[in-house]
Amino acid sequence: MTDLSSKTCVPCRGDTPPLEGAEIENLRRHVPEWEVIEEHHLKRSFRFKNFREALGFVDEVGALAEEQGHHPDITFGWGYAEVTVWTHKIDGLTESDFVFAAKVDLI
């Protein structure tokens, strides 16, 4: 499989079923730091030295989200950030969620 971080997120049209089982596991291997929650979303926590570093990371993730047209939920505060991603239109996971996660790993 091609390195996921080199792919581009593809907008979901809503007629694609969410990924399940082996499909998720095959993609998860490419983003081992991310947790798959109930085959519905991906989540990863990040640690930083202070608030400024966490905010800088969140800004970069936000810019990536705009560039890719794929928008995660982000929670952050002093020394931490948590990114949660899934495809809202189908209320589940698509390959684009894993692509986005792989791109976040490069930040």
C-alpha atoms as a PDB file:
ATOM      1  CA  MET A   1       0.000   0.000   0.000  1.00  0.00           C
ATOM      2  CA  THR A   2       1.154   3.515  -0.746  1.00  0.00           C
ATOM      3  CA  ASP A   3       2.303   5.603   2.197  1.00  0.00           C
ATOM      4  CA  LEU A   4      -0.945   7.101   3.471  1.00  0.00           C
ATOM      5  CA  SER A   5       0.625  10.479   4.204  1.00  0.00           C
ATOM      6  CA  SER A   6       1.310  10.974   0.492  1.00  0.00           C
ATOM      7  CA  LYS A   7      -2.376  10.600  -0.387  1.00  0.00           C
ATOM      8  CA  THR A   8      -5.029  13.312  -0.353  1.00  0.00           C
ATOM      9  CA  CYS A   9      -8.258  13.153   1.619  1.00  0.00           C
ATOM     10  CA  VAL A  10     -11.193  12.513  -0.688  1.00  0.00           C
ATOM     11  CA  PRO A  11     -14.535  14.159   0.108  1.00  0.00           C
ATOM     12  CA  CYS A  12     -17.163  11.632   1.113  1.00  0.00           C
ATOM     13  CA  ARG A  13     -20.336  11.680  -0.957  1.00  0.00           C
ATOM     14  CA  GLY A  14     -22.320   9.888   1.726  1.00  0.00           C
ATOM     15  CA  ASP A  15     -23.078   6.770  -0.321  1.00  0.00           C
ATOM     16  CA  THR A  16     -19.989   4.899   0.874  1.00  0.00           C
ATOM     17  CA  PRO A  17     -20.413   2.502   3.792  1.00  0.00           C
ATOM     18  CA  PRO A  18     -18.050   2.965   6.750  1.00  0.00           C
ATOM     19  CA  LEU A  19     -15.017   0.704   6.928  1.00  0.00           C
ATOM     20  CA  GLU A  20     -15.211  -2.358   9.172  1.00  0.00           C
ATOM     21  CA  GLY A  21     -13.070  -5.153  10.574  1.00  0.00           C
ATOM     22  CA  ALA A  22     -10.127  -6.167   8.395  1.00  0.00           C
ATOM     23  CA  GLU A  23     -10.359  -2.978   6.300  1.00  0.00           C
ATOM     24  CA  ILE A  24      -9.800  -0.900   9.428  1.00  0.00           C
ATOM     25  CA  GLU A  25      -7.031  -3.160  10.722  1.00  0.00           C
ATOM     26  CA  ASN A  26      -5.123  -2.985   7.429  1.00  0.00           C
ATOM     27  CA  LEU A  27      -5.161   0.815   7.497  1.00  0.00           C
ATOM     28  CA  ARG A  28      -4.521   1.074  11.251  1.00  0.00           C
ATOM     29  CA  ARG A  29      -1.131  -0.561  10.789  1.00  0.00           C
ATOM     30  CA  HIS A  30      -0.023   2.591   8.984  1.00  0.00           C
ATOM     31  CA  VAL A  31      -0.886   4.827  11.959  1.00  0.00           C
ATOM     32  CA  PRO A  32       0.068   2.685  14.979  1.00  0.00           C
ATOM     33  CA  GLU A  33      -0.021   5.599  17.453  1.00  0.00           C
ATOM     34  CA  TRP A  34      -3.717   6.147  16.777  1.00  0.00           C
ATOM     35  CA  GLU A  35      -6.423   4.305  18.680  1.00  0.00           C
ATOM     36  CA  VAL A  36      -9.454   2.965  16.808  1.00  0.00           C
ATOM     37  CA  ILE A  37     -12.537   3.540  18.957  1.00  0.00           C
ATOM     38  CA  GLU A  38     -15.469   1.173  18.341  1.00  0.00           C
ATOM     39  CA  GLU A  39     -14.698   1.075  14.598  1.00  0.00           C
ATOM     40  CA  HIS A  40     -16.120   4.608  14.534  1.00  0.00           C
ATOM     41  CA  HIS A  41     -13.276   7.073  14.993  1.00  0.00           C
ATOM     42  CA  LEU A  42      -9.535   7.494  15.420  1.00  0.00           C
ATOM     43  CA  LYS A  43      -8.024   9.239  18.420  1.00  0.00           C
ATOM     44  CA  ARG A  44      -4.520  10.232  19.423  1.00  0.00           C
ATOM     45  CA  SER A  45      -3.137  12.247  22.306  1.00  0.00           C
ATOM     46  CA  PHE A  46      -0.059  14.448  21.974  1.00  0.00           C
ATOM     47  CA  ARG A  47       2.118  15.922  24.752  1.00  0.00           C
ATOM     48  CA  PHE A  48       3.975  19.236  24.701  1.00  0.00           C
ATOM     49  CA  LYS A  49       6.223  21.249  27.016  1.00  0.00           C
ATOM     50  CA  ASN A  50       3.728  24.069  27.430  1.00  0.00           C
ATOM     51  CA  PHE A  51       0.587  25.778  26.173  1.00  0.00           C
ATOM     52  CA  ARG A  52       2.350  27.620  23.359  1.00  0.00           C
ATOM     53  CA  GLU A  53       3.640  24.382  21.781  1.00  0.00           C
ATOM     54  CA  ALA A  54       0.197  22.772  22.075  1.00  0.00           C
ATOM     55  CA  LEU A  55      -1.397  25.810  20.433  1.00  0.00           C
ATOM     56  CA  GLY A  56       1.181  25.784  17.637  1.00  0.00           C
ATOM     57  CA  PHE A  57       0.410  22.126  16.962  1.00  0.00           C
ATOM     58  CA  VAL A  58      -3.333  22.817  16.924  1.00  0.00           C
ATOM     59  CA  ASP A  59      -2.779  25.654  14.453  1.00  0.00           C
ATOM     60  CA  GLU A  60      -0.844  23.310  12.148  1.00  0.00           C
ATOM     61  CA  VAL A  61      -3.521  20.611  12.393  1.00  0.00           C
ATOM     62  CA  GLY A  62      -6.147  23.254  11.615  1.00  0.00           C
ATOM     63  CA  ALA A  63      -4.254  24.403   8.536  1.00  0.00           C
ATOM     64  CA  LEU A  64      -3.925  20.785   7.404  1.00  0.00           C
ATOM     65  CA  ALA A  65      -7.657  20.251   7.940  1.00  0.00           C
ATOM     66  CA  GLU A  66      -8.482  23.234   5.743  1.00  0.00           C
ATOM     67  CA  GLU A  67      -6.019  22.117   3.073  1.00  0.00           C
ATOM     68  CA  GLN A  68      -7.414  18.572   3.018  1.00  0.00           C
ATOM     69  CA  GLY A  69     -11.076  19.507   3.505  1.00  0.00           C
ATOM     70  CA  HIS A  70     -11.235  16.998   6.346  1.00  0.00           C
ATOM     71  CA  HIS A  71     -11.922  18.410   9.792  1.00  0.00           C
ATOM     72  CA  PRO A  72     -11.137  16.632  13.077  1.00  0.00           C
ATOM     73  CA  ASP A  73     -12.276  17.417  16.582  1.00  0.00           C
ATOM     74  CA  ILE A  74      -9.394  18.896  18.575  1.00  0.00           C
ATOM     75  CA  THR A  75      -9.168  19.340  22.327  1.00  0.00           C
ATOM     76  CA  PHE A  76      -6.141  21.031  23.836  1.00  0.00           C
ATOM     77  CA  GLY A  77      -4.763  22.817  26.859  1.00  0.00           C
ATOM     78  CA  TRP A  78      -1.529  23.320  28.727  1.00  0.00           C
ATOM     79  CA  GLY A  79       0.899  20.664  27.462  1.00  0.00           C
ATOM     80  CA  TYR A  80      -1.516  18.451  25.546  1.00  0.00           C
ATOM     81  CA  ALA A  81      -3.700  18.094  22.469  1.00  0.00           C
ATOM     82  CA  GLU A  82      -6.074  15.328  21.455  1.00  0.00           C
ATOM     83  CA  VAL A  83      -7.173  14.806  17.868  1.00  0.00           C
ATOM     84  CA  THR A  84     -10.258  12.757  17.007  1.00  0.00           C
ATOM     85  CA  VAL A  85     -11.203  12.091  13.407  1.00  0.00           C
ATOM     86  CA  TRP A  86     -13.981  10.308  11.555  1.00  0.00           C
ATOM     87  CA  THR A  87     -16.094  10.980   8.500  1.00  0.00           C
ATOM     88  CA  HIS A  88     -19.148  12.811   9.779  1.00  0.00           C
ATOM     89  CA  LYS A  89     -21.174  12.342   6.603  1.00  0.00           C
ATOM     90  CA  ILE A  90     -21.306   8.553   7.085  1.00  0.00           C
ATOM     91  CA  ASP A  91     -20.767   8.572  10.872  1.00  0.00           C
ATOM     92  CA  GLY A  92     -17.823   6.204  10.625  1.00  0.00           C
ATOM     93  CA  LEU A  93     -14.362   5.657   9.219  1.00  0.00           C
ATOM     94  CA  THR A  94     -13.135   5.984   5.640  1.00  0.00           C
ATOM     95  CA  GLU A  95      -9.645   5.751   4.181  1.00  0.00           C
ATOM     96  CA  SER A  96      -9.465   9.552   4.313  1.00  0.00           C
ATOM     97  CA  ASP A  97      -9.542   9.427   8.123  1.00  0.00           C
ATOM     98  CA  PHE A  98      -6.415   7.281   8.089  1.00  0.00           C
ATOM     99  CA  VAL A  99      -4.820   9.526   5.464  1.00  0.00           C
ATOM    100  CA  PHE A 100      -5.482  12.538   7.684  1.00  0.00           C
ATOM    101  CA  ALA A 101      -4.062  10.733  10.725  1.00  0.00           C
ATOM    102  CA  ALA A 102      -0.901   9.856   8.787  1.00  0.00           C
ATOM    103  CA  LYS A 103      -0.506  13.497   7.758  1.00  0.00           C
ATOM    104  CA  VAL A 104      -0.953  14.664  11.362  1.00  0.00           C
ATOM    105  CA  ASP A 105       1.820  12.258  12.376  1.00  0.00           C
ATOM    106  CA  LEU A 106       4.188  14.268  10.154  1.00  0.00           C
ATOM    107  CA  ILE A 107       3.565  17.529  12.043  1.00  0.00           C
END
